[in-house]
Amino acid sequence: GLKGEEIPFEVKILAVADVFEALTANRPYREAYSFPQAAEMMTEMPLDQKIVSELCKALPELEKELSDRGVSGDTWVKVV
């Protein structure tokens, strides 16, 4: 398989988004993690940390926008 710089940038973005969605969505075996909890967990994962860092910077604005829309919990994925 591809490693490091061989992995296209777009694929790295999708990997970060996929992990974030998986962590912040309710699952049959656990409740969703909060955005900050998920972001913290992702800093310890083998993901492109530059992309994770940009996600972390965007989270406060994303949370505010979702809150302004009255969206919380597992429903955020359907709205964004």
Protein backbone atom coordinates (compact mmCIF):
# COMPACT_ATOMS: atom_id res chain seq x y z
CA GLY A 1 0.00 0.00 0.00
CA LEU A 2 0.87 3.65 -0.15
CA LYS A 3 2.77 5.29 2.68
CA GLY A 4 3.51 8.83 3.81
CA GLU A 5 3.87 11.28 0.94
CA GLU A 6 2.66 8.64 -1.54
CA ILE A 7 -0.87 9.05 -0.13
CA PRO A 8 -2.77 11.78 -2.01
CA PHE A 9 -3.64 14.84 0.09
CA GLU A 10 -7.37 14.42 -0.65
CA VAL A 11 -7.27 10.88 0.70
CA LYS A 12 -5.62 12.12 3.90
CA ILE A 13 -8.41 14.67 4.33
CA LEU A 14 -11.04 11.96 3.86
CA ALA A 15 -9.28 9.74 6.40
CA VAL A 16 -9.37 12.51 9.02
CA ALA A 17 -13.03 13.28 8.24
CA ASP A 18 -13.97 9.60 8.43
CA VAL A 19 -12.30 9.11 11.81
CA PHE A 20 -13.84 12.33 13.17
CA GLU A 21 -17.31 11.25 12.06
CA ALA A 22 -16.82 7.79 13.54
CA LEU A 23 -15.77 9.23 16.90
CA THR A 24 -18.49 11.88 17.12
CA ALA A 25 -21.40 9.66 16.09
CA ASN A 26 -23.36 7.46 18.45
CA ARG A 27 -22.62 3.78 18.01
CA PRO A 28 -24.57 0.80 19.33
CA TYR A 29 -21.68 0.04 21.69
CA ARG A 30 -20.91 3.60 22.91
CA GLU A 31 -22.11 7.19 23.01
CA ALA A 32 -20.59 9.78 20.71
CA TYR A 33 -17.46 11.56 21.88
CA SER A 34 -17.61 15.36 22.06
CA PHE A 35 -15.80 17.34 19.37
CA PRO A 36 -12.92 18.24 21.75
CA GLN A 37 -12.62 14.63 22.97
CA ALA A 38 -12.50 13.34 19.40
CA ALA A 39 -9.92 15.93 18.39
CA GLU A 40 -7.72 15.02 21.36
CA MET A 41 -7.95 11.32 20.52
CA MET A 42 -7.06 12.01 16.90
CA THR A 43 -3.80 13.71 17.89
CA GLU A 44 -2.61 10.30 19.06
CA MET A 45 -3.62 8.46 15.87
CA PRO A 46 -1.53 7.77 12.76
CA LEU A 47 -3.26 10.50 10.75
CA ASP A 48 -1.80 13.51 8.97
CA GLN A 49 -1.37 15.76 12.01
CA LYS A 50 -1.32 18.94 9.91
CA ILE A 51 -4.86 18.14 8.79
CA VAL A 52 -5.89 17.19 12.33
CA SER A 53 -4.48 20.51 13.53
CA GLU A 54 -6.53 22.44 10.95
CA LEU A 55 -9.63 20.51 12.01
CA CYS A 56 -8.95 21.43 15.64
CA LYS A 57 -8.69 25.11 14.65
CA ALA A 58 -12.04 24.93 12.82
CA LEU A 59 -13.95 23.08 15.56
CA PRO A 60 -14.97 26.09 17.70
CA GLU A 61 -16.52 27.80 14.68
CA LEU A 62 -18.21 24.57 13.57
CA GLU A 63 -19.61 23.96 17.05
CA LYS A 64 -20.92 27.54 17.23
CA GLU A 65 -22.57 27.29 13.82
CA LEU A 66 -24.23 23.99 14.71
CA SER A 67 -25.33 25.37 18.08
CA ASP A 68 -26.80 28.44 16.36
CA ARG A 69 -28.81 26.06 14.17
CA GLY A 70 -30.00 24.15 17.23
CA VAL A 71 -28.10 21.03 16.20
CA SER A 72 -26.48 18.80 18.79
CA GLY A 73 -25.32 15.28 19.33
CA ASP A 74 -25.44 12.69 16.58
CA THR A 75 -27.51 14.81 14.20
CA TRP A 76 -24.66 17.12 13.16
CA VAL A 77 -23.48 14.82 10.36
CA LYS A 78 -26.87 15.05 8.66
CA VAL A 79 -26.76 18.86 8.73
CA VAL A 80 -23.21 19.53 7.61
